[in-house]
Amino acid sequence: MSVGNGSLEGAETFTSPWMDTNAAASYLTLRPATMRVWRSQGKGPNYKLVGGRLVRYHRDDLDAFARGEVQR
């Protein structure tokens, strides 16, 4: 997606491998609501709870999910 001047148009930069629900949904091109529904149903990519409240997804888990390699 390189544009004439070498910039990436519309691309997001993910510097940390850990993402919140909004960033993870963007990474997978989904809506955050979809991620929340899947979590409540025990579906979707693996995630961690930080401090018992904060949901975080690791990029490797999101990539595995996208490849169909998730085991729950």
C-alpha atoms as a PDB file:
ATOM      1  CA  MET A   1       0.000   0.000   0.000  1.00  0.00           C
ATOM      2  CA  SER A   2       2.772   2.346  -0.751  1.00  0.00           C
ATOM      3  CA  VAL A   3       1.673   5.635  -2.194  1.00  0.00           C
ATOM      4  CA  GLY A   4       3.850   7.610  -4.593  1.00  0.00           C
ATOM      5  CA  ASN A   5       5.742   9.388  -1.805  1.00  0.00           C
ATOM      6  CA  GLY A   6       6.481   6.184   0.143  1.00  0.00           C
ATOM      7  CA  SER A   7       3.929   6.820   2.894  1.00  0.00           C
ATOM      8  CA  LEU A   8       1.370   4.301   4.051  1.00  0.00           C
ATOM      9  CA  GLU A   9      -2.060   5.741   3.578  1.00  0.00           C
ATOM     10  CA  GLY A  10      -4.620   4.637   6.169  1.00  0.00           C
ATOM     11  CA  ALA A  11      -2.228   2.227   7.894  1.00  0.00           C
ATOM     12  CA  GLU A  12      -2.103   2.058  11.689  1.00  0.00           C
ATOM     13  CA  THR A  13       1.144   1.479  13.519  1.00  0.00           C
ATOM     14  CA  PHE A  14       1.115  -1.080  16.319  1.00  0.00           C
ATOM     15  CA  THR A  15       4.269  -0.685  18.383  1.00  0.00           C
ATOM     16  CA  SER A  16       3.419  -2.866  21.399  1.00  0.00           C
ATOM     17  CA  PRO A  17       2.479  -6.510  20.914  1.00  0.00           C
ATOM     18  CA  TRP A  18      -0.337  -5.996  23.473  1.00  0.00           C
ATOM     19  CA  MET A  19      -3.560  -4.360  22.313  1.00  0.00           C
ATOM     20  CA  ASP A  20      -6.821  -3.334  23.906  1.00  0.00           C
ATOM     21  CA  THR A  21     -10.142  -4.384  22.380  1.00  0.00           C
ATOM     22  CA  ASN A  22     -10.352  -1.406  20.026  1.00  0.00           C
ATOM     23  CA  ALA A  23      -6.833  -1.864  18.668  1.00  0.00           C
ATOM     24  CA  ALA A  24      -7.261  -5.644  18.349  1.00  0.00           C
ATOM     25  CA  ALA A  25     -10.524  -5.182  16.461  1.00  0.00           C
ATOM     26  CA  SER A  26      -8.843  -2.711  14.130  1.00  0.00           C
ATOM     27  CA  TYR A  27      -5.926  -5.111  13.637  1.00  0.00           C
ATOM     28  CA  LEU A  28      -8.362  -7.862  12.596  1.00  0.00           C
ATOM     29  CA  THR A  29     -10.596  -5.415  10.693  1.00  0.00           C
ATOM     30  CA  LEU A  30     -13.538  -6.176  12.979  1.00  0.00           C
ATOM     31  CA  ARG A  31     -15.793  -4.063  15.143  1.00  0.00           C
ATOM     32  CA  PRO A  32     -14.965  -3.831  18.862  1.00  0.00           C
ATOM     33  CA  ALA A  33     -18.511  -5.020  19.608  1.00  0.00           C
ATOM     34  CA  THR A  34     -17.769  -8.258  17.752  1.00  0.00           C
ATOM     35  CA  MET A  35     -14.725  -8.847  19.952  1.00  0.00           C
ATOM     36  CA  ARG A  36     -16.807  -8.233  23.096  1.00  0.00           C
ATOM     37  CA  VAL A  37     -19.558 -10.611  21.969  1.00  0.00           C
ATOM     38  CA  TRP A  38     -17.043 -13.322  21.104  1.00  0.00           C
ATOM     39  CA  ARG A  39     -15.389 -12.915  24.517  1.00  0.00           C
ATOM     40  CA  SER A  40     -18.728 -13.311  26.288  1.00  0.00           C
ATOM     41  CA  GLN A  41     -19.412 -16.460  24.232  1.00  0.00           C
ATOM     42  CA  GLY A  42     -15.952 -17.962  24.778  1.00  0.00           C
ATOM     43  CA  LYS A  43     -15.074 -17.509  21.098  1.00  0.00           C
ATOM     44  CA  GLY A  44     -12.544 -15.419  19.236  1.00  0.00           C
ATOM     45  CA  PRO A  45      -8.840 -14.893  19.857  1.00  0.00           C
ATOM     46  CA  ASN A  46      -7.206 -15.641  23.193  1.00  0.00           C
ATOM     47  CA  TYR A  47      -6.851 -12.716  25.568  1.00  0.00           C
ATOM     48  CA  LYS A  48      -5.522 -11.866  29.017  1.00  0.00           C
ATOM     49  CA  LEU A  49      -7.140  -9.968  31.854  1.00  0.00           C
ATOM     50  CA  VAL A  50      -4.787  -7.480  33.475  1.00  0.00           C
ATOM     51  CA  GLY A  51      -5.678  -6.558  37.014  1.00  0.00           C
ATOM     52  CA  GLY A  52      -8.902  -8.500  36.685  1.00  0.00           C
ATOM     53  CA  ARG A  53     -10.473  -5.855  34.439  1.00  0.00           C
ATOM     54  CA  LEU A  54      -8.343  -4.768  31.507  1.00  0.00           C
ATOM     55  CA  VAL A  55      -8.620  -6.997  28.438  1.00  0.00           C
ATOM     56  CA  ARG A  56      -5.466  -7.290  26.368  1.00  0.00           C
ATOM     57  CA  TYR A  57      -4.774  -9.260  23.210  1.00  0.00           C
ATOM     58  CA  HIS A  58      -1.286 -10.250  22.095  1.00  0.00           C
ATOM     59  CA  ARG A  59      -0.451  -9.795  18.427  1.00  0.00           C
ATOM     60  CA  ASP A  60       0.704 -13.437  18.158  1.00  0.00           C
ATOM     61  CA  ASP A  61      -2.707 -14.616  19.414  1.00  0.00           C
ATOM     62  CA  LEU A  62      -4.482 -12.373  16.911  1.00  0.00           C
ATOM     63  CA  ASP A  63      -2.318 -13.680  14.077  1.00  0.00           C
ATOM     64  CA  ALA A  64      -2.968 -17.286  15.161  1.00  0.00           C
ATOM     65  CA  PHE A  65      -6.698 -16.597  15.259  1.00  0.00           C
ATOM     66  CA  ALA A  66      -6.592 -15.088  11.767  1.00  0.00           C
ATOM     67  CA  ARG A  67      -4.809 -18.227  10.534  1.00  0.00           C
ATOM     68  CA  GLY A  68      -7.454 -20.432  12.171  1.00  0.00           C
ATOM     69  CA  GLU A  69      -5.028 -21.850  14.746  1.00  0.00           C
ATOM     70  CA  VAL A  70      -6.890 -20.885  17.930  1.00  0.00           C
ATOM     71  CA  GLN A  71      -7.488 -23.618  20.478  1.00  0.00           C
ATOM     72  CA  ARG A  72      -9.906 -22.843  23.298  1.00  0.00           C
END
